[in-house]
Amino acid sequence: MSTSAPAPTTCSCCGDALVDERRIDIRFGLPDVAFELPEEARRSPGPSALLALDGAGFFVRCLLPVRLTGDTELVLGAWVEIDEATFLRAADIWDDEVAYPELVVRGRLANAVRPWGEEVLGAEFTGRISDPEELPYLVEGHGPEAVRLLGETWDRDHVLARFPHPLPVAVRTDLDEGWSVERTAGFSARFENGADQFAARDRSVAVGLFQDTEPGRAAEDFLAALLERAPEVPEGQHHTERLPDGGIRYAFWSAPRDTGRTRHELTAYAVEPDGSAAGLFCSYEEPEQHPWALHVWRSLRRDAAAVTSR
């Protein structure tokens, strides 16, 4: 099933940029089922938060609050399928300052919200007006999945890393084989050409994983093999660090005058003693962004326990 792509980090109601990083708003553009229908099947009585789909039902956008660790709240502007009578009443009173605060909606979640996906699609909720300036809040769940979604506190990074569009906070993102890296605030994410890629207007990151094919080889020797075709760089443009577990990490960087390109580049590796390695490439416009690139490199981390427990 196709799902709607969440919009950037703006308020689900007014579209203004968010300033409080403790509340992250993500808006779903359409109910999932809308992508199975022609565009002409979509009908709205006026308010953008109300949508009728010919042959597929009636929908209202509501705010789904999800508690995350780190004292963070994720507020999802998700669609809920409601009955026709509720839909018509909502359309009639939507702009009524007296009647709108009394609106109550009950229906089924119409977006397969990540990371829960199909598990919560169709879960039933009741929504009420908490603030007359906002959409209905889903405040009560009916059934175990809905109750659990509203009631539990979820791991912040695990949840937010599933949304690929730019977020207002840095998010630790799982790669594979126990590796993770910090995705910078404001960066989008995608997986392409075998690498996790993160990008903003003026900077980008690509991360790939490697496994040594020579069992028992020292981390330093595997690193040397990875660097076999790397260009030589001037003194002061490379750095090596030993890791507490016996691993090693190495970075080298170049400026436009070295490469003829218009951007600065940093290439870096982190190699674990068991032959697992991560390689990272950062591209950025300004030399003042070099500490950022080093920070992203140093954020590479591997949890070996996550691999052995699978």
C-alpha atoms as a PDB file:
ATOM      1  CA  MET A   1       0.000   0.000   0.000  1.00  0.00           C
ATOM      2  CA  SER A   2       1.305   3.460  -0.845  1.00  0.00           C
ATOM      3  CA  THR A   3       1.495   5.906   2.018  1.00  0.00           C
ATOM      4  CA  SER A   4       1.455   9.659   2.037  1.00  0.00           C
ATOM      5  CA  ALA A   5       4.747  11.421   2.525  1.00  0.00           C
ATOM      6  CA  PRO A   6       4.822  13.491   5.718  1.00  0.00           C
ATOM      7  CA  ALA A   7       5.322  17.201   5.221  1.00  0.00           C
ATOM      8  CA  PRO A   8       8.230  19.178   6.736  1.00  0.00           C
ATOM      9  CA  THR A   9       8.358  20.108  10.400  1.00  0.00           C
ATOM     10  CA  THR A  10       5.623  22.703  10.554  1.00  0.00           C
ATOM     11  CA  CYS A  11       2.503  22.995  12.639  1.00  0.00           C
ATOM     12  CA  SER A  12      -0.187  20.547  11.565  1.00  0.00           C
ATOM     13  CA  CYS A  13      -2.769  23.307  11.672  1.00  0.00           C
ATOM     14  CA  CYS A  14      -1.277  26.626  10.576  1.00  0.00           C
ATOM     15  CA  GLY A  15       1.886  25.579   8.772  1.00  0.00           C
ATOM     16  CA  ASP A  16       4.153  27.824  10.843  1.00  0.00           C
ATOM     17  CA  ALA A  17       7.681  26.640  11.581  1.00  0.00           C
ATOM     18  CA  LEU A  18       8.062  24.973  14.958  1.00  0.00           C
ATOM     19  CA  VAL A  19      10.278  26.530  17.594  1.00  0.00           C
ATOM     20  CA  ASP A  20       9.870  24.040  20.455  1.00  0.00           C
ATOM     21  CA  GLU A  21      12.043  20.982  19.828  1.00  0.00           C
ATOM     22  CA  ARG A  22      10.222  19.117  22.585  1.00  0.00           C
ATOM     23  CA  ARG A  23       7.158  18.951  20.331  1.00  0.00           C
ATOM     24  CA  ILE A  24       7.671  17.611  16.824  1.00  0.00           C
ATOM     25  CA  ASP A  25       4.749  17.932  14.409  1.00  0.00           C
ATOM     26  CA  ILE A  26       4.516  15.712  11.347  1.00  0.00           C
ATOM     27  CA  ARG A  27       1.622  15.948   8.928  1.00  0.00           C
ATOM     28  CA  PHE A  28       0.346  13.202   6.614  1.00  0.00           C
ATOM     29  CA  GLY A  29      -0.924  14.658   3.356  1.00  0.00           C
ATOM     30  CA  LEU A  30      -3.666  12.113   2.634  1.00  0.00           C
ATOM     31  CA  PRO A  31      -5.201   8.914   3.980  1.00  0.00           C
ATOM     32  CA  ASP A  32      -3.300   5.888   2.688  1.00  0.00           C
ATOM     33  CA  VAL A  33      -6.261   4.641   0.683  1.00  0.00           C
ATOM     34  CA  ALA A  34      -6.301   7.875  -1.359  1.00  0.00           C
ATOM     35  CA  PHE A  35      -3.221   6.709  -3.253  1.00  0.00           C
ATOM     36  CA  GLU A  36      -5.186   3.770  -4.620  1.00  0.00           C
ATOM     37  CA  LEU A  37      -7.797   6.071  -6.151  1.00  0.00           C
ATOM     38  CA  PRO A  38      -7.763   8.628  -8.957  1.00  0.00           C
ATOM     39  CA  GLU A  39      -7.299  12.228  -7.881  1.00  0.00           C
ATOM     40  CA  GLU A  40     -10.809  13.131  -9.052  1.00  0.00           C
ATOM     41  CA  ALA A  41     -12.186  10.832  -6.322  1.00  0.00           C
ATOM     42  CA  ARG A  42     -11.150  13.373  -3.694  1.00  0.00           C
ATOM     43  CA  ARG A  43     -13.811  15.821  -2.492  1.00  0.00           C
ATOM     44  CA  SER A  44     -13.679  18.403   0.276  1.00  0.00           C
ATOM     45  CA  PRO A  45     -16.563  20.366   1.805  1.00  0.00           C
ATOM     46  CA  GLY A  46     -14.233  23.331   2.352  1.00  0.00           C
ATOM     47  CA  PRO A  47     -11.944  22.780   5.362  1.00  0.00           C
ATOM     48  CA  SER A  48      -8.654  21.176   4.287  1.00  0.00           C
ATOM     49  CA  ALA A  49      -8.848  18.819   7.273  1.00  0.00           C
ATOM     50  CA  LEU A  50     -11.979  17.158   5.884  1.00  0.00           C
ATOM     51  CA  LEU A  51     -11.896  14.803   2.910  1.00  0.00           C
ATOM     52  CA  ALA A  52     -14.399  12.521   1.212  1.00  0.00           C
ATOM     53  CA  LEU A  53     -13.144   9.799  -1.121  1.00  0.00           C
ATOM     54  CA  ASP A  54     -15.626   8.404  -3.593  1.00  0.00           C
ATOM     55  CA  GLY A  55     -16.174   4.758  -2.740  1.00  0.00           C
ATOM     56  CA  ALA A  56     -13.669   4.824   0.156  1.00  0.00           C
ATOM     57  CA  GLY A  57     -15.285   6.819   2.965  1.00  0.00           C
ATOM     58  CA  PHE A  58     -15.064  10.045   4.922  1.00  0.00           C
ATOM     59  CA  PHE A  59     -12.004  11.347   6.732  1.00  0.00           C
ATOM     60  CA  VAL A  60     -10.925  14.029   9.170  1.00  0.00           C
ATOM     61  CA  ARG A  61      -7.380  14.974  10.013  1.00  0.00           C
ATOM     62  CA  CYS A  62      -6.692  14.699  13.745  1.00  0.00           C
ATOM     63  CA  LEU A  63      -3.698  15.153  16.008  1.00  0.00           C
ATOM     64  CA  LEU A  64      -2.260  11.937  17.383  1.00  0.00           C
ATOM     65  CA  PRO A  65       0.068  12.633  20.350  1.00  0.00           C
ATOM     66  CA  VAL A  66       2.823  10.077  20.947  1.00  0.00           C
ATOM     67  CA  ARG A  67       5.084  10.310  23.993  1.00  0.00           C
ATOM     68  CA  LEU A  68       8.778   9.805  23.273  1.00  0.00           C
ATOM     69  CA  THR A  69      11.773   9.453  25.540  1.00  0.00           C
ATOM     70  CA  GLY A  70      13.869  12.547  26.133  1.00  0.00           C
ATOM     71  CA  ASP A  71      10.825  14.555  27.246  1.00  0.00           C
ATOM     72  CA  THR A  72       9.713  14.815  23.621  1.00  0.00           C
ATOM     73  CA  GLU A  73       6.224  14.636  22.153  1.00  0.00           C
ATOM     74  CA  LEU A  74       5.545  13.614  18.571  1.00  0.00           C
ATOM     75  CA  VAL A  75       2.267  15.033  17.292  1.00  0.00           C
ATOM     76  CA  LEU A  76       1.099  13.347  14.107  1.00  0.00           C
ATOM     77  CA  GLY A  77      -1.401  15.087  11.852  1.00  0.00           C
ATOM     78  CA  ALA A  78      -2.969  11.793  10.764  1.00  0.00           C
ATOM     79  CA  TRP A  79      -6.254  10.965   9.053  1.00  0.00           C
ATOM     80  CA  VAL A  80      -9.129   9.168  10.753  1.00  0.00           C
ATOM     81  CA  GLU A  81     -12.000   7.539   8.873  1.00  0.00           C
ATOM     82  CA  ILE A  82     -15.365   8.567  10.331  1.00  0.00           C
ATOM     83  CA  ASP A  83     -19.003   7.950   9.463  1.00  0.00           C
ATOM     84  CA  GLU A  84     -20.871  10.240   7.082  1.00  0.00           C
ATOM     85  CA  ALA A  85     -23.055  11.812   9.770  1.00  0.00           C
ATOM     86  CA  THR A  86     -20.017  12.881  11.812  1.00  0.00           C
ATOM     87  CA  PHE A  87     -18.335  14.140   8.644  1.00  0.00           C
ATOM     88  CA  LEU A  88     -21.318  16.318   7.696  1.00  0.00           C
ATOM     89  CA  ARG A  89     -21.639  17.703  11.206  1.00  0.00           C
ATOM     90  CA  ALA A  90     -17.911  18.526  11.316  1.00  0.00           C
ATOM     91  CA  ALA A  91     -18.196  20.338   7.971  1.00  0.00           C
ATOM     92  CA  ASP A  92     -21.185  22.299   9.248  1.00  0.00           C
ATOM     93  CA  ILE A  93     -19.579  23.539  12.497  1.00  0.00           C
ATOM     94  CA  TRP A  94     -15.864  23.634  11.583  1.00  0.00           C
ATOM     95  CA  ASP A  95     -15.715  27.442  11.553  1.00  0.00           C
ATOM     96  CA  ASP A  96     -18.272  27.942  14.319  1.00  0.00           C
ATOM     97  CA  GLU A  97     -16.455  29.328  17.365  1.00  0.00           C
ATOM     98  CA  VAL A  98     -19.199  28.087  19.687  1.00  0.00           C
ATOM     99  CA  ALA A  99     -20.002  24.666  18.256  1.00  0.00           C
ATOM    100  CA  TYR A 100     -16.557  23.525  17.079  1.00  0.00           C
ATOM    101  CA  PRO A 101     -15.098  23.076  20.619  1.00  0.00           C
ATOM    102  CA  GLU A 102     -17.873  20.546  21.293  1.00  0.00           C
ATOM    103  CA  LEU A 103     -16.996  18.374  18.296  1.00  0.00           C
ATOM    104  CA  VAL A 104     -16.322  14.715  19.077  1.00  0.00           C
ATOM    105  CA  VAL A 105     -15.136  12.279  16.415  1.00  0.00           C
ATOM    106  CA  ARG A 106     -14.678   8.538  16.604  1.00  0.00           C
ATOM    107  CA  GLY A 107     -13.119   6.515  13.857  1.00  0.00           C
ATOM    108  CA  ARG A 108     -10.253   4.394  12.580  1.00  0.00           C
ATOM    109  CA  LEU A 109      -6.704   5.523  11.894  1.00  0.00           C
ATOM    110  CA  ALA A 110      -6.245   5.798   8.118  1.00  0.00           C
ATOM    111  CA  ASN A 111      -2.435   6.059   7.977  1.00  0.00           C
ATOM    112  CA  ALA A 112      -0.010   3.181   8.611  1.00  0.00           C
ATOM    113  CA  VAL A 113       2.117   5.339  10.874  1.00  0.00           C
ATOM    114  CA  ARG A 114       5.739   4.250  11.126  1.00  0.00           C
ATOM    115  CA  PRO A 115       7.314   2.454  12.884  1.00  0.00           C
ATOM    116  CA  TRP A 116       4.058   0.682  13.852  1.00  0.00           C
ATOM    117  CA  GLY A 117       2.761   0.395  10.276  1.00  0.00           C
ATOM    118  CA  GLU A 118      -0.085  -2.026   9.565  1.00  0.00           C
ATOM    119  CA  GLU A 119      -0.242  -2.782  13.280  1.00  0.00           C
ATOM    120  CA  VAL A 120      -2.044   0.516  13.941  1.00  0.00           C
ATOM    121  CA  LEU A 121      -3.776   1.030  10.586  1.00  0.00           C
ATOM    122  CA  GLY A 122      -7.480   0.800  11.374  1.00  0.00           C
ATOM    123  CA  ALA A 123      -6.999   1.223  15.138  1.00  0.00           C
ATOM    124  CA  GLU A 124      -9.998   3.008  16.653  1.00  0.00           C
ATOM    125  CA  PHE A 125      -9.764   6.315  18.520  1.00  0.00           C
ATOM    126  CA  THR A 126     -11.952   9.069  19.886  1.00  0.00           C
ATOM    127  CA  GLY A 127     -10.933  12.647  19.196  1.00  0.00           C
ATOM    128  CA  ARG A 128     -11.953  15.798  21.045  1.00  0.00           C
ATOM    129  CA  ILE A 129     -11.155  19.489  20.765  1.00  0.00           C
ATOM    130  CA  SER A 130      -8.477  20.443  23.295  1.00  0.00           C
ATOM    131  CA  ASP A 131      -7.750  23.842  21.739  1.00  0.00           C
ATOM    132  CA  PRO A 132     -10.243  25.659  19.465  1.00  0.00           C
ATOM    133  CA  GLU A 133      -7.309  26.740  17.295  1.00  0.00           C
ATOM    134  CA  GLU A 134      -6.197  23.151  16.641  1.00  0.00           C
ATOM    135  CA  LEU A 135      -7.473  19.988  15.048  1.00  0.00           C
ATOM    136  CA  PRO A 136      -9.215  17.335  17.167  1.00  0.00           C
ATOM    137  CA  TYR A 137      -6.835  15.476  19.466  1.00  0.00           C
ATOM    138  CA  LEU A 138      -7.049  11.703  19.652  1.00  0.00           C
ATOM    139  CA  VAL A 139      -7.387  11.323  23.397  1.00  0.00           C
ATOM    140  CA  GLU A 140      -8.853   7.835  23.824  1.00  0.00           C
ATOM    141  CA  GLY A 141      -7.954   4.538  22.222  1.00  0.00           C
ATOM    142  CA  HIS A 142     -10.346   1.629  21.724  1.00  0.00           C
ATOM    143  CA  GLY A 143      -8.597  -1.716  21.467  1.00  0.00           C
ATOM    144  CA  PRO A 144      -5.140  -2.825  22.596  1.00  0.00           C
ATOM    145  CA  GLU A 145      -3.083  -1.248  19.782  1.00  0.00           C
ATOM    146  CA  ALA A 146      -4.727   2.159  20.111  1.00  0.00           C
ATOM    147  CA  VAL A 147      -4.452   2.143  23.904  1.00  0.00           C
ATOM    148  CA  ARG A 148      -0.804   1.114  23.708  1.00  0.00           C
ATOM    149  CA  LEU A 149       0.075   3.770  21.132  1.00  0.00           C
ATOM    150  CA  LEU A 150      -1.350   6.559  23.287  1.00  0.00           C
ATOM    151  CA  GLY A 151      -0.286   5.146  26.643  1.00  0.00           C
ATOM    152  CA  GLU A 152       3.329   4.054  26.248  1.00  0.00           C
ATOM    153  CA  THR A 153       6.495   6.137  26.050  1.00  0.00           C
ATOM    154  CA  TRP A 154       8.400   5.161  22.898  1.00  0.00           C
ATOM    155  CA  ASP A 155      12.094   5.339  22.105  1.00  0.00           C
ATOM    156  CA  ARG A 156      12.684   8.741  20.521  1.00  0.00           C
ATOM    157  CA  ASP A 157      15.366   7.774  18.020  1.00  0.00           C
ATOM    158  CA  HIS A 158      13.678   4.512  17.010  1.00  0.00           C
ATOM    159  CA  VAL A 159      10.487   6.366  16.115  1.00  0.00           C
ATOM    160  CA  LEU A 160      11.864   9.564  14.579  1.00  0.00           C
ATOM    161  CA  ALA A 161      14.443   7.781  12.421  1.00  0.00           C
ATOM    162  CA  ARG A 162      11.534   6.235  10.469  1.00  0.00           C
ATOM    163  CA  PHE A 163      10.537   9.653   9.103  1.00  0.00           C
ATOM    164  CA  PRO A 164      12.833  10.572   6.183  1.00  0.00           C
ATOM    165  CA  HIS A 165      12.003  14.246   5.866  1.00  0.00           C
ATOM    166  CA  PRO A 166      13.952  16.939   7.795  1.00  0.00           C
ATOM    167  CA  LEU A 167      13.366  16.996  11.539  1.00  0.00           C
ATOM    168  CA  PRO A 168      14.132  19.826  13.981  1.00  0.00           C
ATOM    169  CA  VAL A 169      16.295  17.578  16.161  1.00  0.00           C
ATOM    170  CA  ALA A 170      19.290  15.322  15.616  1.00  0.00           C
ATOM    171  CA  VAL A 171      18.296  11.650  15.478  1.00  0.00           C
ATOM    172  CA  ARG A 172      20.471   8.584  15.991  1.00  0.00           C
ATOM    173  CA  THR A 173      19.727   6.362  13.025  1.00  0.00           C
ATOM    174  CA  ASP A 174      20.226   2.593  12.834  1.00  0.00           C
ATOM    175  CA  LEU A 175      22.206   1.433   9.812  1.00  0.00           C
ATOM    176  CA  ASP A 176      22.718  -2.342  10.025  1.00  0.00           C
ATOM    177  CA  GLU A 177      24.907  -4.878  11.810  1.00  0.00           C
ATOM    178  CA  GLY A 178      24.660  -2.880  15.038  1.00  0.00           C
ATOM    179  CA  TRP A 179      25.974   0.361  13.488  1.00  0.00           C
ATOM    180  CA  SER A 180      24.280   3.708  13.953  1.00  0.00           C
ATOM    181  CA  VAL A 181      25.064   7.327  13.173  1.00  0.00           C
ATOM    182  CA  GLU A 182      23.669  10.685  14.151  1.00  0.00           C
ATOM    183  CA  ARG A 183      21.472  12.297  11.502  1.00  0.00           C
ATOM    184  CA  THR A 184      21.834  16.047  11.830  1.00  0.00           C
ATOM    185  CA  ALA A 185      18.794  18.207  12.546  1.00  0.00           C
ATOM    186  CA  GLY A 186      17.303  19.540   9.331  1.00  0.00           C
ATOM    187  CA  PHE A 187      18.595  16.669   7.164  1.00  0.00           C
ATOM    188  CA  SER A 188      16.412  14.426   5.015  1.00  0.00           C
ATOM    189  CA  ALA A 189      17.187  10.707   4.797  1.00  0.00           C
ATOM    190  CA  ARG A 190      17.086   8.029   2.120  1.00  0.00           C
ATOM    191  CA  PHE A 191      18.730   4.721   1.246  1.00  0.00           C
ATOM    192  CA  GLU A 192      20.202   4.647  -2.248  1.00  0.00           C
ATOM    193  CA  ASN A 193      23.012   2.828  -4.054  1.00  0.00           C
ATOM    194  CA  GLY A 194      23.698   0.665  -1.013  1.00  0.00           C
ATOM    195  CA  ALA A 195      24.247   3.591   1.362  1.00  0.00           C
ATOM    196  CA  ASP A 196      22.273   5.586   3.902  1.00  0.00           C
ATOM    197  CA  GLN A 197      22.245   9.181   2.704  1.00  0.00           C
ATOM    198  CA  PHE A 198      21.376  12.352   4.587  1.00  0.00           C
ATOM    199  CA  ALA A 199      21.153  15.774   2.976  1.00  0.00           C
ATOM    200  CA  ALA A 200      20.472  19.438   3.613  1.00  0.00           C
ATOM    201  CA  ARG A 201      20.797  22.413   1.276  1.00  0.00           C
ATOM    202  CA  ASP A 202      24.509  22.917   1.855  1.00  0.00           C
ATOM    203  CA  ARG A 203      25.720  19.580   3.249  1.00  0.00           C
ATOM    204  CA  SER A 204      25.362  15.868   2.644  1.00  0.00           C
ATOM    205  CA  VAL A 205      26.410  12.567   4.217  1.00  0.00           C
ATOM    206  CA  ALA A 206      26.635   9.030   2.834  1.00  0.00           C
ATOM    207  CA  VAL A 207      27.354   6.013   5.041  1.00  0.00           C
ATOM    208  CA  GLY A 208      28.129   2.456   3.928  1.00  0.00           C
ATOM    209  CA  LEU A 209      29.091  -0.713   5.775  1.00  0.00           C
ATOM    210  CA  PHE A 210      31.890  -3.193   5.108  1.00  0.00           C
ATOM    211  CA  GLN A 211      32.893  -6.616   6.380  1.00  0.00           C
ATOM    212  CA  ASP A 212      36.452  -7.916   6.220  1.00  0.00           C
ATOM    213  CA  THR A 213      36.719 -11.052   4.097  1.00  0.00           C
ATOM    214  CA  GLU A 214      39.967 -12.080   5.812  1.00  0.00           C
ATOM    215  CA  PRO A 215      39.019 -13.506   9.219  1.00  0.00           C
ATOM    216  CA  GLY A 216      41.274 -12.515  12.088  1.00  0.00           C
ATOM    217  CA  ARG A 217      42.907  -9.571  10.314  1.00  0.00           C
ATOM    218  CA  ALA A 218      43.808  -6.704  12.658  1.00  0.00           C
ATOM    219  CA  ALA A 219      41.643  -3.595  12.514  1.00  0.00           C
ATOM    220  CA  GLU A 220      44.661  -1.525  11.407  1.00  0.00           C
ATOM    221  CA  ASP A 221      45.300  -3.862   8.473  1.00  0.00           C
ATOM    222  CA  PHE A 222      41.666  -3.842   7.371  1.00  0.00           C
ATOM    223  CA  LEU A 223      41.703  -0.045   7.534  1.00  0.00           C
ATOM    224  CA  ALA A 224      44.828  -0.024   5.374  1.00  0.00           C
ATOM    225  CA  ALA A 225      43.005  -2.186   2.825  1.00  0.00           C
ATOM    226  CA  LEU A 226      40.046   0.187   2.797  1.00  0.00           C
ATOM    227  CA  LEU A 227      42.424   3.111   2.215  1.00  0.00           C
ATOM    228  CA  GLU A 228      44.396   1.372  -0.519  1.00  0.00           C
ATOM    229  CA  ARG A 229      43.120   3.674  -3.271  1.00  0.00           C
ATOM    230  CA  ALA A 230      42.652   6.773  -1.148  1.00  0.00           C
ATOM    231  CA  PRO A 231      44.457   9.921  -2.339  1.00  0.00           C
ATOM    232  CA  GLU A 232      47.346  11.346  -0.383  1.00  0.00           C
ATOM    233  CA  VAL A 233      46.478  14.455   1.593  1.00  0.00           C
ATOM    234  CA  PRO A 234      48.747  17.090   3.148  1.00  0.00           C
ATOM    235  CA  GLU A 235      49.858  16.871   6.744  1.00  0.00           C
ATOM    236  CA  GLY A 236      47.179  18.275   9.004  1.00  0.00           C
ATOM    237  CA  GLN A 237      44.334  17.004   6.804  1.00  0.00           C
ATOM    238  CA  HIS A 238      44.005  13.544   8.318  1.00  0.00           C
ATOM    239  CA  HIS A 239      43.430  12.182  11.792  1.00  0.00           C
ATOM    240  CA  THR A 240      43.536   8.766  13.505  1.00  0.00           C
ATOM    241  CA  GLU A 241      41.829   7.777  16.745  1.00  0.00           C
ATOM    242  CA  ARG A 242      42.010   4.529  18.709  1.00  0.00           C
ATOM    243  CA  LEU A 243      38.758   3.132  20.035  1.00  0.00           C
ATOM    244  CA  PRO A 244      38.452   1.741  23.593  1.00  0.00           C
ATOM    245  CA  ASP A 245      37.462  -1.721  22.340  1.00  0.00           C
ATOM    246  CA  GLY A 246      40.570  -2.092  20.193  1.00  0.00           C
ATOM    247  CA  GLY A 247      39.082  -0.626  17.033  1.00  0.00           C
ATOM    248  CA  ILE A 248      40.381   2.318  15.055  1.00  0.00           C
ATOM    249  CA  ARG A 249      38.940   5.232  13.144  1.00  0.00           C
ATOM    250  CA  TYR A 250      40.543   7.422  10.555  1.00  0.00           C
ATOM    251  CA  ALA A 251      39.464  10.505   8.608  1.00  0.00           C
ATOM    252  CA  PHE A 252      41.003  12.576   5.848  1.00  0.00           C
ATOM    253  CA  TRP A 253      39.683  15.682   4.177  1.00  0.00           C
ATOM    254  CA  SER A 254      40.279  17.958   1.232  1.00  0.00           C
ATOM    255  CA  ALA A 255      39.429  21.499   0.204  1.00  0.00           C
ATOM    256  CA  PRO A 256      38.350  22.758  -3.232  1.00  0.00           C
ATOM    257  CA  ARG A 257      41.932  23.808  -3.997  1.00  0.00           C
ATOM    258  CA  ASP A 258      43.006  20.163  -3.598  1.00  0.00           C
ATOM    259  CA  THR A 259      40.348  18.565  -5.799  1.00  0.00           C
ATOM    260  CA  GLY A 260      39.148  21.198  -8.229  1.00  0.00           C
ATOM    261  CA  ARG A 261      35.612  20.673  -6.951  1.00  0.00           C
ATOM    262  CA  THR A 262      33.600  23.453  -5.380  1.00  0.00           C
ATOM    263  CA  ARG A 263      32.954  21.711  -2.070  1.00  0.00           C
ATOM    264  CA  HIS A 264      34.925  20.489   0.916  1.00  0.00           C
ATOM    265  CA  GLU A 265      34.998  16.713   1.408  1.00  0.00           C
ATOM    266  CA  LEU A 266      35.688  14.412   4.336  1.00  0.00           C
ATOM    267  CA  THR A 267      36.134  10.654   3.973  1.00  0.00           C
ATOM    268  CA  ALA A 268      36.300   8.584   7.138  1.00  0.00           C
ATOM    269  CA  TYR A 269      36.150   5.046   8.498  1.00  0.00           C
ATOM    270  CA  ALA A 270      35.503   3.312  11.790  1.00  0.00           C
ATOM    271  CA  VAL A 271      36.796  -0.279  12.032  1.00  0.00           C
ATOM    272  CA  GLU A 272      35.970  -2.751  14.784  1.00  0.00           C
ATOM    273  CA  PRO A 273      38.281  -5.620  15.875  1.00  0.00           C
ATOM    274  CA  ASP A 274      35.870  -8.248  14.509  1.00  0.00           C
ATOM    275  CA  GLY A 275      36.239  -6.924  10.954  1.00  0.00           C
ATOM    276  CA  SER A 276      33.067  -4.846  10.828  1.00  0.00           C
ATOM    277  CA  ALA A 277      33.549  -1.326   9.475  1.00  0.00           C
ATOM    278  CA  ALA A 278      31.594   1.760   8.500  1.00  0.00           C
ATOM    279  CA  GLY A 279      32.691   4.270   5.893  1.00  0.00           C
ATOM    280  CA  LEU A 280      31.411   7.827   5.770  1.00  0.00           C
ATOM    281  CA  PHE A 281      31.620  10.612   3.197  1.00  0.00           C
ATOM    282  CA  CYS A 282      30.666  14.221   3.984  1.00  0.00           C
ATOM    283  CA  SER A 283      30.413  17.054   1.481  1.00  0.00           C
ATOM    284  CA  TYR A 284      29.949  20.644   2.615  1.00  0.00           C
ATOM    285  CA  GLU A 285      30.229  24.166   1.256  1.00  0.00           C
ATOM    286  CA  GLU A 286      32.054  26.153   3.922  1.00  0.00           C
ATOM    287  CA  PRO A 287      35.281  25.409   5.812  1.00  0.00           C
ATOM    288  CA  GLU A 288      33.510  26.435   9.023  1.00  0.00           C
ATOM    289  CA  GLN A 289      31.395  23.286   8.637  1.00  0.00           C
ATOM    290  CA  HIS A 290      34.404  21.008   9.060  1.00  0.00           C
ATOM    291  CA  PRO A 291      33.781  20.473  12.815  1.00  0.00           C
ATOM    292  CA  TRP A 292      30.276  19.317  11.901  1.00  0.00           C
ATOM    293  CA  ALA A 293      31.725  16.683   9.534  1.00  0.00           C
ATOM    294  CA  LEU A 294      34.097  15.459  12.242  1.00  0.00           C
ATOM    295  CA  HIS A 295      31.197  15.275  14.676  1.00  0.00           C
ATOM    296  CA  VAL A 296      29.164  13.111  12.296  1.00  0.00           C
ATOM    297  CA  TRP A 297      32.175  10.816  11.807  1.00  0.00           C
ATOM    298  CA  ARG A 298      32.709  10.472  15.553  1.00  0.00           C
ATOM    299  CA  SER A 299      29.008   9.727  16.000  1.00  0.00           C
ATOM    300  CA  LEU A 300      29.456   6.402  14.176  1.00  0.00           C
ATOM    301  CA  ARG A 301      28.839   3.728  16.777  1.00  0.00           C
ATOM    302  CA  ARG A 302      28.471  -0.010  16.803  1.00  0.00           C
ATOM    303  CA  ASP A 303      26.546  -1.978  19.396  1.00  0.00           C
ATOM    304  CA  ALA A 304      27.949  -5.499  19.085  1.00  0.00           C
ATOM    305  CA  ALA A 305      25.313  -6.782  21.518  1.00  0.00           C
ATOM    306  CA  ALA A 306      22.598  -5.812  19.036  1.00  0.00           C
ATOM    307  CA  VAL A 307      24.204  -8.147  16.475  1.00  0.00           C
ATOM    308  CA  THR A 308      24.716 -11.145  18.760  1.00  0.00           C
ATOM    309  CA  SER A 309      21.192 -10.919  20.191  1.00  0.00           C
ATOM    310  CA  ARG A 310      19.503 -11.293  16.803  1.00  0.00           C
END
